[in-house]
Amino acid sequence: RSHQIRLCPTDPVGGAVDFTAYPGMSKYSYGWNKAAFAYRAPGGPPPQ
């Protein structure tokens, strides 16, 4: 229930992990484990 926790106060650009090229996604300060969380986006590699 918080949008703000996506951002680290030390992140110099306020969202270094920038996925705004994908409509609906945003800028984040945090990465995620792609081995645990599957990539299933259309238009890319075969869905995991």
All heavy atoms as atom14 arrays in JSON, in Angstrom:
{
  "sequence": "RSHQIRLCPTDPVGGAVDFTAYPGMSKYSYGWNKAAFAYRAPGGPPPQ",
  "atom14_mask": [
    [1, 1, 1, 1, 1, 1, 1, 1, 1, 1, 1, 0, 0, 0],
    [1, 1, 1, 1, 1, 1, 0, 0, 0, 0, 0, 0, 0, 0],
    [1, 1, 1, 1, 1, 1, 1, 1, 1, 1, 0, 0, 0, 0],
    [1, 1, 1, 1, 1, 1, 1, 1, 1, 0, 0, 0, 0, 0],
    [1, 1, 1, 1, 1, 1, 1, 1, 0, 0, 0, 0, 0, 0],
    [1, 1, 1, 1, 1, 1, 1, 1, 1, 1, 1, 0, 0, 0],
    [1, 1, 1, 1, 1, 1, 1, 1, 0, 0, 0, 0, 0, 0],
    [1, 1, 1, 1, 1, 1, 0, 0, 0, 0, 0, 0, 0, 0],
    [1, 1, 1, 1, 1, 1, 1, 0, 0, 0, 0, 0, 0, 0],
    [1, 1, 1, 1, 1, 1, 1, 0, 0, 0, 0, 0, 0, 0],
    [1, 1, 1, 1, 1, 1, 1, 1, 0, 0, 0, 0, 0, 0],
    [1, 1, 1, 1, 1, 1, 1, 0, 0, 0, 0, 0, 0, 0],
    [1, 1, 1, 1, 1, 1, 1, 0, 0, 0, 0, 0, 0, 0],
    [1, 1, 1, 1, 0, 0, 0, 0, 0, 0, 0, 0, 0, 0],
    [1, 1, 1, 1, 0, 0, 0, 0, 0, 0, 0, 0, 0, 0],
    [1, 1, 1, 1, 1, 0, 0, 0, 0, 0, 0, 0, 0, 0],
    [1, 1, 1, 1, 1, 1, 1, 0, 0, 0, 0, 0, 0, 0],
    [1, 1, 1, 1, 1, 1, 1, 1, 0, 0, 0, 0, 0, 0],
    [1, 1, 1, 1, 1, 1, 1, 1, 1, 1, 1, 0, 0, 0],
    [1, 1, 1, 1, 1, 1, 1, 0, 0, 0, 0, 0, 0, 0],
    [1, 1, 1, 1, 1, 0, 0, 0, 0, 0, 0, 0, 0, 0],
    [1, 1, 1, 1, 1, 1, 1, 1, 1, 1, 1, 1, 0, 0],
    [1, 1, 1, 1, 1, 1, 1, 0, 0, 0, 0, 0, 0, 0],
    [1, 1, 1, 1, 0, 0, 0, 0, 0, 0, 0, 0, 0, 0],
    [1, 1, 1, 1, 1, 1, 1, 1, 0, 0, 0, 0, 0, 0],
    [1, 1, 1, 1, 1, 1, 0, 0, 0, 0, 0, 0, 0, 0],
    [1, 1, 1, 1, 1, 1, 1, 1, 1, 0, 0, 0, 0, 0],
    [1, 1, 1, 1, 1, 1, 1, 1, 1, 1, 1, 1, 0, 0],
    [1, 1, 1, 1, 1, 1, 0, 0, 0, 0, 0, 0, 0, 0],
    [1, 1, 1, 1, 1, 1, 1, 1, 1, 1, 1, 1, 0, 0],
    [1, 1, 1, 1, 0, 0, 0, 0, 0, 0, 0, 0, 0, 0],
    [1, 1, 1, 1, 1, 1, 1, 1, 1, 1, 1, 1, 1, 1],
    [1, 1, 1, 1, 1, 1, 1, 1, 0, 0, 0, 0, 0, 0],
    [1, 1, 1, 1, 1, 1, 1, 1, 1, 0, 0, 0, 0, 0],
    [1, 1, 1, 1, 1, 0, 0, 0, 0, 0, 0, 0, 0, 0],
    [1, 1, 1, 1, 1, 0, 0, 0, 0, 0, 0, 0, 0, 0],
    [1, 1, 1, 1, 1, 1, 1, 1, 1, 1, 1, 0, 0, 0],
    [1, 1, 1, 1, 1, 0, 0, 0, 0, 0, 0, 0, 0, 0],
    [1, 1, 1, 1, 1, 1, 1, 1, 1, 1, 1, 1, 0, 0],
    [1, 1, 1, 1, 1, 1, 1, 1, 1, 1, 1, 0, 0, 0],
    [1, 1, 1, 1, 1, 0, 0, 0, 0, 0, 0, 0, 0, 0],
    [1, 1, 1, 1, 1, 1, 1, 0, 0, 0, 0, 0, 0, 0],
    [1, 1, 1, 1, 0, 0, 0, 0, 0, 0, 0, 0, 0, 0],
    [1, 1, 1, 1, 0, 0, 0, 0, 0, 0, 0, 0, 0, 0],
    [1, 1, 1, 1, 1, 1, 1, 0, 0, 0, 0, 0, 0, 0],
    [1, 1, 1, 1, 1, 1, 1, 0, 0, 0, 0, 0, 0, 0],
    [1, 1, 1, 1, 1, 1, 1, 0, 0, 0, 0, 0, 0, 0],
    [1, 1, 1, 1, 1, 1, 1, 1, 1, 0, 0, 0, 0, 0]
  ],
  "atom14_positions": [
    [[0.83, -1.22, 0.0], [0.0, 0.0, 0.0], [0.85, 1.26, 0.0], [0.52, 2.27, 0.63], [-0.95, 0.0, 1.2], [-1.94, -1.15, 1.2], [-2.91, -1.07, 2.34], [-3.85, -2.18, 2.33], [-4.83, -2.36, 3.22], [-4.98, -1.49, 4.2], [-5.65, -3.39, 3.11], [0.0, 0.0, 0.0], [0.0, 0.0, 0.0], [0.0, 0.0, 0.0]],
    [[1.97, 1.2, -0.69], [2.86, 2.36, -0.76], [3.63, 2.33, -2.06], [4.25, 1.32, -2.4], [3.84, 2.36, 0.42], [4.8, 3.39, 0.27], [0.0, 0.0, 0.0], [0.0, 0.0, 0.0], [0.0, 0.0, 0.0], [0.0, 0.0, 0.0], [0.0, 0.0, 0.0], [0.0, 0.0, 0.0], [0.0, 0.0, 0.0], [0.0, 0.0, 0.0]],
    [[3.57, 3.43, -2.77], [4.36, 3.58, -3.98], [5.77, 4.05, -3.64], [6.73, 3.75, -4.36], [3.68, 4.59, -4.91], [4.31, 4.74, -6.25], [4.05, 3.89, -7.31], [5.23, 5.63, -6.71], [4.77, 4.25, -8.36], [5.48, 5.3, -8.02], [0.0, 0.0, 0.0], [0.0, 0.0, 0.0], [0.0, 0.0, 0.0], [0.0, 0.0, 0.0]],
    [[5.9, 4.77, -2.52], [7.16, 5.41, -2.18], [8.25, 4.41, -1.81], [9.44, 4.69, -1.99], [6.95, 6.41, -1.03], [8.14, 7.33, -0.75], [8.53, 8.17, -1.94], [7.67, 8.59, -2.72], [9.82, 8.42, -2.1], [0.0, 0.0, 0.0], [0.0, 0.0, 0.0], [0.0, 0.0, 0.0], [0.0, 0.0, 0.0], [0.0, 0.0, 0.0]],
    [[7.87, 3.24, -1.3], [8.91, 2.3, -0.86], [9.67, 1.69, -2.03], [10.64, 0.97, -1.82], [8.34, 1.18, 0.03], [7.4, 0.27, -0.76], [7.65, 1.75, 1.24], [7.04, -0.99, 0.0], [0.0, 0.0, 0.0], [0.0, 0.0, 0.0], [0.0, 0.0, 0.0], [0.0, 0.0, 0.0], [0.0, 0.0, 0.0], [0.0, 0.0, 0.0]],
    [[9.25, 1.98, -3.26], [10.02, 1.53, -4.41], [11.34, 2.29, -4.55], [12.2, 1.89, -5.34], [9.23, 1.73, -5.69], [7.9, 1.02, -5.78], [7.19, 1.43, -7.04], [5.92, 0.77, -7.23], [5.14, 0.93, -8.3], [5.55, 1.73, -9.27], [3.99, 0.3, -8.4], [0.0, 0.0, 0.0], [0.0, 0.0, 0.0], [0.0, 0.0, 0.0]],
    [[11.48, 3.41, -3.83], [12.62, 4.29, -4.01], [13.49, 4.32, -2.77], [12.99, 4.49, -1.65], [12.17, 5.71, -4.35], [11.35, 5.85, -5.64], [10.86, 7.28, -5.8], [12.18, 5.43, -6.85], [0.0, 0.0, 0.0], [0.0, 0.0, 0.0], [0.0, 0.0, 0.0], [0.0, 0.0, 0.0], [0.0, 0.0, 0.0], [0.0, 0.0, 0.0]],
    [[14.79, 4.18, -2.97], [15.78, 4.27, -1.89], [16.18, 5.74, -1.72], [16.45, 6.43, -2.7], [16.99, 3.42, -2.24], [18.42, 3.69, -1.17], [0.0, 0.0, 0.0], [0.0, 0.0, 0.0], [0.0, 0.0, 0.0], [0.0, 0.0, 0.0], [0.0, 0.0, 0.0], [0.0, 0.0, 0.0], [0.0, 0.0, 0.0], [0.0, 0.0, 0.0]],
    [[16.27, 6.25, -0.48], [16.66, 7.65, -0.29], [18.08, 7.97, -0.75], [18.42, 9.13, -0.94], [16.51, 7.85, 1.23], [16.54, 6.49, 1.82], [15.94, 5.58, 0.8], [0.0, 0.0, 0.0], [0.0, 0.0, 0.0], [0.0, 0.0, 0.0], [0.0, 0.0, 0.0], [0.0, 0.0, 0.0], [0.0, 0.0, 0.0], [0.0, 0.0, 0.0]],
    [[18.9, 6.95, -0.95], [20.27, 7.16, -1.4], [20.4, 7.06, -2.92], [21.45, 7.39, -3.47], [21.21, 6.13, -0.73], [20.95, 6.12, 0.68], [22.68, 6.5, -0.92], [0.0, 0.0, 0.0], [0.0, 0.0, 0.0], [0.0, 0.0, 0.0], [0.0, 0.0, 0.0], [0.0, 0.0, 0.0], [0.0, 0.0, 0.0], [0.0, 0.0, 0.0]],
    [[19.37, 6.6, -3.6], [19.41, 6.47, -5.06], [19.61, 7.85, -5.67], [18.75, 8.72, -5.56], [18.1, 5.86, -5.55], [18.11, 5.56, -7.05], [18.98, 6.08, -7.77], [17.23, 4.81, -7.5], [0.0, 0.0, 0.0], [0.0, 0.0, 0.0], [0.0, 0.0, 0.0], [0.0, 0.0, 0.0], [0.0, 0.0, 0.0], [0.0, 0.0, 0.0]],
    [[20.75, 8.1, -6.34], [21.06, 9.47, -6.8], [20.14, 9.96, -7.91], [20.03, 11.18, -8.11], [22.51, 9.35, -7.3], [22.69, 7.91, -7.64], [21.82, 7.15, -6.68], [0.0, 0.0, 0.0], [0.0, 0.0, 0.0], [0.0, 0.0, 0.0], [0.0, 0.0, 0.0], [0.0, 0.0, 0.0], [0.0, 0.0, 0.0], [0.0, 0.0, 0.0]],
    [[19.49, 9.07, -8.64], [18.64, 9.51, -9.76], [17.15, 9.29, -9.48], [16.32, 9.52, -10.35], [19.05, 8.81, -11.08], [20.47, 9.14, -11.45], [18.87, 7.3, -10.97], [0.0, 0.0, 0.0], [0.0, 0.0, 0.0], [0.0, 0.0, 0.0], [0.0, 0.0, 0.0], [0.0, 0.0, 0.0], [0.0, 0.0, 0.0], [0.0, 0.0, 0.0]],
    [[16.82, 8.85, -8.27], [15.42, 8.67, -7.93], [14.72, 7.61, -8.74], [13.58, 7.77, -9.16], [0.0, 0.0, 0.0], [0.0, 0.0, 0.0], [0.0, 0.0, 0.0], [0.0, 0.0, 0.0], [0.0, 0.0, 0.0], [0.0, 0.0, 0.0], [0.0, 0.0, 0.0], [0.0, 0.0, 0.0], [0.0, 0.0, 0.0], [0.0, 0.0, 0.0]],
    [[15.39, 6.5, -8.97], [14.82, 5.39, -9.73], [15.78, 4.9, -10.79], [15.51, 5.02, -11.99], [0.0, 0.0, 0.0], [0.0, 0.0, 0.0], [0.0, 0.0, 0.0], [0.0, 0.0, 0.0], [0.0, 0.0, 0.0], [0.0, 0.0, 0.0], [0.0, 0.0, 0.0], [0.0, 0.0, 0.0], [0.0, 0.0, 0.0], [0.0, 0.0, 0.0]],
    [[16.9, 4.33, -10.36], [17.94, 3.9, -11.29], [17.49, 2.75, -12.18], [17.94, 2.6, -13.31], [19.21, 3.49, -10.52], [0.0, 0.0, 0.0], [0.0, 0.0, 0.0], [0.0, 0.0, 0.0], [0.0, 0.0, 0.0], [0.0, 0.0, 0.0], [0.0, 0.0, 0.0], [0.0, 0.0, 0.0], [0.0, 0.0, 0.0], [0.0, 0.0, 0.0]],
    [[16.58, 1.92, -11.66], [16.06, 0.79, -12.44], [14.83, 1.3, -13.19], [13.7, 1.22, -12.72], [15.73, -0.4, -11.53], [15.25, -1.6, -12.36], [16.95, -0.8, -10.7], [0.0, 0.0, 0.0], [0.0, 0.0, 0.0], [0.0, 0.0, 0.0], [0.0, 0.0, 0.0], [0.0, 0.0, 0.0], [0.0, 0.0, 0.0], [0.0, 0.0, 0.0]],
    [[15.07, 1.84, -14.36], [14.05, 2.58, -15.12], [13.38, 1.67, -16.15], [13.98, 1.3, -17.16], [14.7, 3.78, -15.81], [13.68, 4.68, -16.5], [12.5, 4.31, -16.59], [14.09, 5.77, -16.96], [0.0, 0.0, 0.0], [0.0, 0.0, 0.0], [0.0, 0.0, 0.0], [0.0, 0.0, 0.0], [0.0, 0.0, 0.0], [0.0, 0.0, 0.0]],
    [[12.12, 1.33, -15.9], [11.34, 0.5, -16.82], [10.18, 1.29, -17.43], [9.19, 0.71, -17.85], [10.82, -0.75, -16.11], [11.78, -1.92, -16.16], [12.95, -1.9, -15.43], [11.51, -3.03, -16.95], [13.85, -2.97, -15.47], [12.39, -4.09, -17.01], [13.57, -4.07, -16.28], [0.0, 0.0, 0.0], [0.0, 0.0, 0.0], [0.0, 0.0, 0.0]],
    [[10.31, 2.61, -17.49], [9.23, 3.44, -18.02], [9.03, 3.24, -19.52], [8.02, 3.7, -20.06], [9.47, 4.92, -17.72], [10.77, 5.3, -18.21], [9.4, 5.2, -16.22], [0.0, 0.0, 0.0], [0.0, 0.0, 0.0], [0.0, 0.0, 0.0], [0.0, 0.0, 0.0], [0.0, 0.0, 0.0], [0.0, 0.0, 0.0], [0.0, 0.0, 0.0]],
    [[9.97, 2.58, -20.18], [9.77, 2.27, -21.6], [8.64, 1.28, -21.8], [8.11, 1.14, -22.91], [11.06, 1.73, -22.21], [0.0, 0.0, 0.0], [0.0, 0.0, 0.0], [0.0, 0.0, 0.0], [0.0, 0.0, 0.0], [0.0, 0.0, 0.0], [0.0, 0.0, 0.0], [0.0, 0.0, 0.0], [0.0, 0.0, 0.0], [0.0, 0.0, 0.0]],
    [[8.26, 0.59, -20.73], [7.16, -0.36, -20.77], [5.91, 0.32, -20.17], [5.9, 0.59, -18.96], [7.5, -1.62, -19.97], [8.64, -2.42, -20.53], [9.97, -2.09, -20.24], [8.4, -3.51, -21.36], [11.02, -2.83, -20.77], [9.44, -4.25, -21.89], [10.75, -3.9, -21.6], [11.78, -4.63, -22.12], [0.0, 0.0, 0.0], [0.0, 0.0, 0.0]],
    [[4.9, 0.61, -20.97], [3.71, 1.3, -20.45], [3.12, 0.58, -19.23], [2.89, -0.63, -19.27], [2.73, 1.26, -21.63], [3.59, 1.12, -22.84], [4.76, 0.29, -22.41], [0.0, 0.0, 0.0], [0.0, 0.0, 0.0], [0.0, 0.0, 0.0], [0.0, 0.0, 0.0], [0.0, 0.0, 0.0], [0.0, 0.0, 0.0], [0.0, 0.0, 0.0]],
    [[2.93, 1.34, -18.19], [2.39, 0.78, -16.95], [3.43, 0.53, -15.9], [3.09, 0.39, -14.71], [0.0, 0.0, 0.0], [0.0, 0.0, 0.0], [0.0, 0.0, 0.0], [0.0, 0.0, 0.0], [0.0, 0.0, 0.0], [0.0, 0.0, 0.0], [0.0, 0.0, 0.0], [0.0, 0.0, 0.0], [0.0, 0.0, 0.0], [0.0, 0.0, 0.0]],
    [[4.71, 0.49, -16.29], [5.77, 0.28, -15.32], [6.42, 1.62, -14.98], [6.08, 2.65, -15.55], [6.77, -0.75, -15.84], [6.16, -2.12, -16.03], [7.36, -3.44, -16.4], [8.26, -3.56, -14.86], [0.0, 0.0, 0.0], [0.0, 0.0, 0.0], [0.0, 0.0, 0.0], [0.0, 0.0, 0.0], [0.0, 0.0, 0.0], [0.0, 0.0, 0.0]],
    [[7.35, 1.61, -14.05], [7.83, 2.86, -13.47], [9.35, 2.81, -13.27], [10.05, 1.98, -13.86], [7.11, 3.1, -12.13], [7.42, 4.35, -11.6], [0.0, 0.0, 0.0], [0.0, 0.0, 0.0], [0.0, 0.0, 0.0], [0.0, 0.0, 0.0], [0.0, 0.0, 0.0], [0.0, 0.0, 0.0], [0.0, 0.0, 0.0], [0.0, 0.0, 0.0]],
    [[9.83, 3.73, -12.43], [11.23, 3.75, -12.01], [11.32, 3.19, -10.6], [10.5, 3.5, -9.74], [11.78, 5.18, -12.03], [11.89, 5.8, -13.4], [12.49, 7.2, -13.29], [12.66, 7.84, -14.66], [13.27, 9.19, -14.56], [0.0, 0.0, 0.0], [0.0, 0.0, 0.0], [0.0, 0.0, 0.0], [0.0, 0.0, 0.0], [0.0, 0.0, 0.0]],
    [[12.36, 2.39, -10.37], [12.55, 1.75, -9.08], [14.01, 1.89, -8.65], [14.9, 2.06, -9.48], [12.19, 0.27, -9.15], [10.98, -0.04, -10.02], [11.15, -0.5, -11.33], [9.69, 0.16, -9.54], [10.06, -0.78, -12.13], [8.59, -0.11, -10.35], [8.78, -0.57, -11.65], [7.7, -0.83, -12.45], [0.0, 0.0, 0.0], [0.0, 0.0, 0.0]],
    [[14.23, 1.82, -7.37], [15.6, 1.81, -6.86], [16.12, 0.39, -6.63], [17.29, 0.21, -6.31], [15.68, 2.58, -5.53], [15.39, 3.93, -5.71], [0.0, 0.0, 0.0], [0.0, 0.0, 0.0], [0.0, 0.0, 0.0], [0.0, 0.0, 0.0], [0.0, 0.0, 0.0], [0.0, 0.0, 0.0], [0.0, 0.0, 0.0], [0.0, 0.0, 0.0]],
    [[15.22, -0.58, -6.8], [15.55, -1.95, -6.41], [15.45, -2.91, -7.6], [14.58, -2.75, -8.46], [14.64, -2.41, -5.28], [14.67, -1.47, -4.1], [13.56, -0.69, -3.78], [15.82, -1.34, -3.33], [13.6, 0.19, -2.7], [15.87, -0.47, -2.26], [14.76, 0.31, -1.96], [14.81, 1.18, -0.9], [0.0, 0.0, 0.0], [0.0, 0.0, 0.0]],
    [[16.34, -3.87, -7.6], [16.27, -4.94, -8.57], [15.54, -6.13, -7.96], [15.21, -6.16, -6.77], [0.0, 0.0, 0.0], [0.0, 0.0, 0.0], [0.0, 0.0, 0.0], [0.0, 0.0, 0.0], [0.0, 0.0, 0.0], [0.0, 0.0, 0.0], [0.0, 0.0, 0.0], [0.0, 0.0, 0.0], [0.0, 0.0, 0.0], [0.0, 0.0, 0.0]],
    [[15.28, -7.12, -8.8], [14.59, -8.34, -8.35], [15.3, -9.55, -8.93], [15.99, -9.47, -9.95], [13.12, -8.31, -8.8], [12.96, -7.9, -10.24], [13.1, -8.67, -11.35], [12.69, -6.57, -10.71], [12.92, -7.93, -12.5], [12.66, -6.63, -12.13], [12.46, -5.34, -10.09], [12.41, -5.52, -12.93], [12.22, -4.24, -10.88], [12.19, -4.33, -12.28]],
    [[15.13, -10.66, -8.29], [15.82, -11.89, -8.67], [15.1, -12.52, -9.86], [14.04, -13.13, -9.71], [15.86, -12.85, -7.48], [16.67, -14.1, -7.77], [17.01, -14.39, -8.91], [16.99, -14.84, -6.72], [0.0, 0.0, 0.0], [0.0, 0.0, 0.0], [0.0, 0.0, 0.0], [0.0, 0.0, 0.0], [0.0, 0.0, 0.0], [0.0, 0.0, 0.0]],
    [[15.68, -12.4, -11.05], [15.01, -12.91, -12.25], [15.03, -14.44, -12.31], [14.31, -15.03, -13.14], [15.66, -12.34, -13.51], [17.08, -12.81, -13.78], [17.62, -12.21, -15.06], [19.01, -12.72, -15.4], [19.54, -12.12, -16.64], [0.0, 0.0, 0.0], [0.0, 0.0, 0.0], [0.0, 0.0, 0.0], [0.0, 0.0, 0.0], [0.0, 0.0, 0.0]],
    [[15.82, -15.08, -11.45], [15.78, -16.55, -11.4], [14.58, -17.02, -10.58], [14.11, -18.15, -10.76], [17.08, -17.08, -10.79], [0.0, 0.0, 0.0], [0.0, 0.0, 0.0], [0.0, 0.0, 0.0], [0.0, 0.0, 0.0], [0.0, 0.0, 0.0], [0.0, 0.0, 0.0], [0.0, 0.0, 0.0], [0.0, 0.0, 0.0], [0.0, 0.0, 0.0]],
    [[14.08, -16.17, -9.7], [12.93, -16.54, -8.87], [11.62, -15.98, -9.43], [10.58, -16.62, -9.31], [13.13, -16.03, -7.44], [0.0, 0.0, 0.0], [0.0, 0.0, 0.0], [0.0, 0.0, 0.0], [0.0, 0.0, 0.0], [0.0, 0.0, 0.0], [0.0, 0.0, 0.0], [0.0, 0.0, 0.0], [0.0, 0.0, 0.0], [0.0, 0.0, 0.0]],
    [[11.68, -14.79, -10.0], [10.5, -14.14, -10.57], [10.58, -14.24, -12.09], [11.49, -13.69, -12.72], [10.42, -12.68, -10.13], [10.44, -12.49, -8.64], [11.21, -11.5, -8.06], [9.67, -13.3, -7.79], [11.23, -11.31, -6.69], [9.68, -13.12, -6.42], [10.46, -12.12, -5.87], [0.0, 0.0, 0.0], [0.0, 0.0, 0.0], [0.0, 0.0, 0.0]],
    [[9.63, -14.91, -12.69], [9.71, -15.24, -14.12], [9.44, -14.03, -15.0], [8.57, -13.2, -14.71], [8.71, -16.34, -14.44], [0.0, 0.0, 0.0], [0.0, 0.0, 0.0], [0.0, 0.0, 0.0], [0.0, 0.0, 0.0], [0.0, 0.0, 0.0], [0.0, 0.0, 0.0], [0.0, 0.0, 0.0], [0.0, 0.0, 0.0], [0.0, 0.0, 0.0]],
    [[10.2, -13.94, -16.1], [9.94, -12.94, -17.15], [8.97, -13.56, -18.16], [9.26, -14.57, -18.77], [11.24, -12.54, -17.83], [11.98, -11.42, -17.13], [12.73, -11.67, -15.99], [11.89, -10.11, -17.59], [13.4, -10.64, -15.33], [12.56, -9.08, -16.94], [13.3, -9.35, -15.81], [13.95, -8.33, -15.16], [0.0, 0.0, 0.0], [0.0, 0.0, 0.0]],
    [[7.83, -12.89, -18.33], [6.8, -13.39, -19.23], [6.26, -12.28, -20.14], [5.14, -12.34, -20.64], [5.66, -14.01, -18.43], [6.1, -15.17, -17.54], [4.95, -15.76, -16.73], [3.91, -16.29, -17.59], [3.93, -17.49, -18.15], [4.97, -18.3, -17.96], [2.94, -17.91, -18.91], [0.0, 0.0, 0.0], [0.0, 0.0, 0.0], [0.0, 0.0, 0.0]],
    [[7.05, -11.24, -20.34], [6.59, -10.09, -21.12], [6.45, -10.45, -22.59], [7.33, -11.11, -23.17], [7.57, -8.93, -20.97], [0.0, 0.0, 0.0], [0.0, 0.0, 0.0], [0.0, 0.0, 0.0], [0.0, 0.0, 0.0], [0.0, 0.0, 0.0], [0.0, 0.0, 0.0], [0.0, 0.0, 0.0], [0.0, 0.0, 0.0], [0.0, 0.0, 0.0]],
    [[5.36, -10.05, -23.23], [5.2, -10.3, -24.68], [6.22, -9.47, -25.46], [6.69, -8.43, -25.01], [3.77, -9.82, -24.96], [3.48, -8.84, -23.87], [4.21, -9.32, -22.67], [0.0, 0.0, 0.0], [0.0, 0.0, 0.0], [0.0, 0.0, 0.0], [0.0, 0.0, 0.0], [0.0, 0.0, 0.0], [0.0, 0.0, 0.0], [0.0, 0.0, 0.0]],
    [[6.57, -9.98, -26.63], [7.51, -9.27, -27.48], [8.96, -9.51, -27.15], [9.85, -8.92, -27.75], [0.0, 0.0, 0.0], [0.0, 0.0, 0.0], [0.0, 0.0, 0.0], [0.0, 0.0, 0.0], [0.0, 0.0, 0.0], [0.0, 0.0, 0.0], [0.0, 0.0, 0.0], [0.0, 0.0, 0.0], [0.0, 0.0, 0.0], [0.0, 0.0, 0.0]],
    [[9.22, -10.38, -26.18], [10.59, -10.67, -25.79], [10.9, -12.14, -25.93], [10.29, -12.84, -26.75], [0.0, 0.0, 0.0], [0.0, 0.0, 0.0], [0.0, 0.0, 0.0], [0.0, 0.0, 0.0], [0.0, 0.0, 0.0], [0.0, 0.0, 0.0], [0.0, 0.0, 0.0], [0.0, 0.0, 0.0], [0.0, 0.0, 0.0], [0.0, 0.0, 0.0]],
    [[11.84, -12.65, -25.14], [12.16, -14.08, -25.17], [10.94, -14.91, -24.79], [9.97, -14.39, -24.22], [13.28, -14.21, -24.13], [13.84, -12.84, -23.98], [12.7, -11.9, -24.21], [0.0, 0.0, 0.0], [0.0, 0.0, 0.0], [0.0, 0.0, 0.0], [0.0, 0.0, 0.0], [0.0, 0.0, 0.0], [0.0, 0.0, 0.0], [0.0, 0.0, 0.0]],
    [[10.96, -16.21, -25.07], [9.83, -17.08, -24.68], [9.54, -16.96, -23.19], [10.47, -16.87, -22.37], [10.33, -18.48, -25.05], [11.34, -18.26, -26.12], [12.01, -16.95, -25.79], [0.0, 0.0, 0.0], [0.0, 0.0, 0.0], [0.0, 0.0, 0.0], [0.0, 0.0, 0.0], [0.0, 0.0, 0.0], [0.0, 0.0, 0.0], [0.0, 0.0, 0.0]],
    [[8.27, -16.92, -22.81], [7.92, -16.76, -21.4], [8.51, -17.87, -20.54], [8.51, -19.04, -20.91], [6.38, -16.82, -21.4], [5.99, -16.5, -22.81], [7.09, -17.0, -23.68], [0.0, 0.0, 0.0], [0.0, 0.0, 0.0], [0.0, 0.0, 0.0], [0.0, 0.0, 0.0], [0.0, 0.0, 0.0], [0.0, 0.0, 0.0], [0.0, 0.0, 0.0]],
    [[9.01, -17.49, -19.39], [9.54, -18.47, -18.44], [8.4, -19.03, -17.6], [7.42, -18.33, -17.34], [10.57, -17.8, -17.52], [11.78, -17.23, -18.23], [12.66, -16.41, -17.29], [12.18, -15.85, -16.31], [13.94, -16.34, -17.59], [0.0, 0.0, 0.0], [0.0, 0.0, 0.0], [0.0, 0.0, 0.0], [0.0, 0.0, 0.0], [0.0, 0.0, 0.0]]
  ]
}
